[in-house]
């Protein structure tokens, strides 16, 4: 009986380690995705922040705020 309980606890510990590993992996993936979204947003902004006469005043103001 003791051995059964010991094995059960060992199995639960291993399962918890796996769950924690997967949780940390998902957390890191979320952080990476947020960083990538920020990089994409900067790229889109920088591409749309040309000195085109067709840019609206608001877009130019946002570009100036973002890049200065």
Protein backbone atom coordinates (compact mmCIF):
# COMPACT_ATOMS: atom_id res chain seq x y z
CA UNK A 1 0.00 0.00 0.00
CA UNK A 2 2.80 2.41 0.92
CA UNK A 3 4.58 1.71 -2.32
CA UNK A 4 1.39 2.33 -4.26
CA UNK A 5 0.95 5.73 -2.57
CA UNK A 6 4.61 6.60 -3.09
CA UNK A 7 4.34 5.79 -6.79
CA UNK A 8 1.11 7.78 -7.02
CA UNK A 9 2.78 10.86 -5.45
CA UNK A 10 5.76 10.48 -7.77
CA UNK A 11 3.44 10.32 -10.78
CA UNK A 12 1.54 13.42 -9.62
CA UNK A 13 4.83 15.32 -9.15
CA UNK A 14 5.89 14.42 -12.69
CA UNK A 15 2.52 15.52 -14.06
CA UNK A 16 2.81 18.82 -12.19
CA UNK A 17 6.29 19.42 -13.62
CA UNK A 18 4.96 18.81 -17.13
CA UNK A 19 2.02 21.18 -16.53
CA UNK A 20 4.36 23.87 -15.19
CA UNK A 21 6.68 23.46 -18.16
CA UNK A 22 3.78 23.81 -20.61
CA UNK A 23 2.41 26.82 -18.70
CA UNK A 24 5.80 28.55 -18.86
CA UNK A 25 6.10 27.70 -22.55
CA UNK A 26 2.70 29.28 -23.29
CA UNK A 27 3.65 32.34 -21.24
CA UNK A 28 6.86 32.77 -23.25
CA UNK A 29 4.96 32.33 -26.52
CA UNK A 30 2.50 35.06 -25.48
CA UNK A 31 5.38 37.42 -24.64
CA UNK A 32 7.03 36.71 -28.00
CA UNK A 33 3.74 37.32 -29.84
CA UNK A 34 3.29 40.66 -28.05
CA UNK A 35 6.82 41.67 -29.03
CA UNK A 36 6.19 40.64 -32.64
CA UNK A 37 2.94 42.62 -32.73
CA UNK A 38 4.85 45.67 -31.49
CA UNK A 39 7.51 45.20 -34.16
CA UNK A 40 4.86 44.79 -36.86
CA UNK A 41 3.05 47.90 -35.65
CA UNK A 42 6.28 49.90 -35.77
CA UNK A 43 6.99 48.60 -39.27
CA UNK A 44 3.50 49.50 -40.50
CA UNK A 45 3.75 52.93 -38.91
CA UNK A 46 7.19 53.58 -40.36
CA UNK A 47 6.00 52.53 -43.82
CA UNK A 48 2.92 54.71 -43.59
CA UNK A 49 4.87 57.69 -42.27
CA UNK A 50 6.23 58.87 -45.57
CA UNK A 51 6.22 62.52 -46.51
CA UNK A 52 3.43 61.97 -48.96
CA UNK A 53 1.21 64.99 -49.57
CA UNK A 54 -1.72 62.58 -49.35
CA UNK A 55 -0.99 61.72 -45.69
CA UNK A 56 -3.60 63.19 -43.42
CA UNK A 57 -2.56 65.69 -40.79
CA UNK A 58 -3.49 63.23 -38.03
CA UNK A 59 -1.25 60.49 -39.49
CA UNK A 60 1.69 62.91 -39.69
CA UNK A 61 1.10 64.02 -36.08
CA UNK A 62 0.99 60.41 -34.89
CA UNK A 63 4.18 59.65 -36.79
CA UNK A 64 5.91 62.64 -35.25
CA UNK A 65 4.81 61.61 -31.76
CA UNK A 66 5.88 58.02 -32.31
CA UNK A 67 9.28 58.62 -33.86
CA UNK A 68 10.37 61.73 -31.97
